[in-house]
Amino acid sequence: MYIIKVKGKAKIPDYIQLRDENFVLVAYFRADRIDKNLEKYGLKGKEEAFYQIVENLPFGKLQLLEV
């Protein structure tokens, strides 16, 4: 799975995209509301590691998600 952080503008918040190995969009959610979506994508119990990745992730750079 891949992850990318998208920068919001003005009142639009930052978003996180999760993409599969074919770069197809799997999830799209607000960066400030991550905890509501992790269970759906098999990341339950890995919240702290995921928060660290999102916090340090640069905007607009697609990276392999290894949690």
Protein backbone atom coordinates (compact mmCIF):
# COMPACT_ATOMS: atom_id res chain seq x y z
CA MET A 1 0.00 0.00 0.00
CA TYR A 2 1.14 3.55 -0.73
CA ILE A 3 0.43 6.82 1.09
CA ILE A 4 0.41 10.45 0.00
CA LYS A 5 -0.44 13.62 1.94
CA VAL A 6 -2.34 16.28 -0.02
CA LYS A 7 -2.10 19.93 1.09
CA GLY A 8 -5.41 21.71 1.61
CA LYS A 9 -6.04 25.35 0.76
CA ALA A 10 -7.79 28.03 2.83
CA LYS A 11 -10.72 26.25 4.54
CA ILE A 12 -10.07 22.90 2.85
CA PRO A 13 -8.09 20.63 5.24
CA ASP A 14 -5.12 18.41 4.44
CA TYR A 15 -6.01 14.91 3.24
CA ILE A 16 -4.39 11.49 3.25
CA GLN A 17 -4.70 9.08 0.32
CA LEU A 18 -4.01 5.36 0.57
CA ARG A 19 -3.40 3.57 -2.73
CA ASP A 20 -2.93 -0.12 -3.53
CA GLU A 21 -0.03 -1.70 -5.43
CA ASN A 22 -1.65 -0.61 -8.73
CA PHE A 23 -1.95 2.98 -7.42
CA VAL A 24 -5.74 2.72 -7.31
CA LEU A 25 -7.27 4.94 -4.63
CA VAL A 26 -8.31 2.80 -1.64
CA ALA A 27 -8.95 5.49 0.98
CA TYR A 28 -9.21 9.26 1.15
CA PHE A 29 -9.65 10.93 4.52
CA ARG A 30 -8.81 14.08 6.46
CA ALA A 31 -5.38 14.16 8.04
CA ASP A 32 -6.85 15.40 11.33
CA ARG A 33 -9.40 12.54 11.54
CA ILE A 34 -7.21 9.53 10.97
CA ASP A 35 -8.43 7.40 13.87
CA LYS A 36 -11.90 6.89 12.38
CA ASN A 37 -10.56 5.16 9.27
CA LEU A 38 -7.67 2.93 10.34
CA GLU A 39 -9.79 -0.05 11.34
CA LYS A 40 -11.37 -0.25 7.87
CA TYR A 41 -7.97 -0.64 6.19
CA GLY A 42 -6.32 -3.24 8.40
CA LEU A 43 -4.28 -0.76 10.43
CA LYS A 44 -5.99 -1.21 13.79
CA GLY A 45 -3.44 -1.45 16.58
CA LYS A 46 -0.85 0.43 14.53
CA GLU A 47 -2.19 3.91 15.24
CA GLU A 48 0.97 5.36 16.81
CA ALA A 49 3.21 4.23 13.94
CA PHE A 50 0.70 5.56 11.40
CA TYR A 51 0.48 8.95 13.17
CA GLN A 52 4.28 9.23 13.09
CA ILE A 53 4.37 8.45 9.37
CA VAL A 54 1.66 11.02 8.58
CA GLU A 55 3.29 13.68 10.73
CA ASN A 56 6.67 13.30 9.01
CA LEU A 57 5.31 12.74 5.50
CA PRO A 58 6.04 15.58 3.06
CA PHE A 59 3.14 16.93 1.01
CA GLY A 60 2.72 15.52 -2.48
CA LYS A 61 5.28 12.71 -2.22
CA LEU A 62 3.99 9.18 -2.79
CA GLN A 63 5.66 6.70 -0.42
CA LEU A 64 5.40 3.01 0.29
CA LEU A 65 3.45 2.49 3.53
CA GLU A 66 5.29 0.10 5.81
CA VAL A 67 3.65 -0.13 9.23
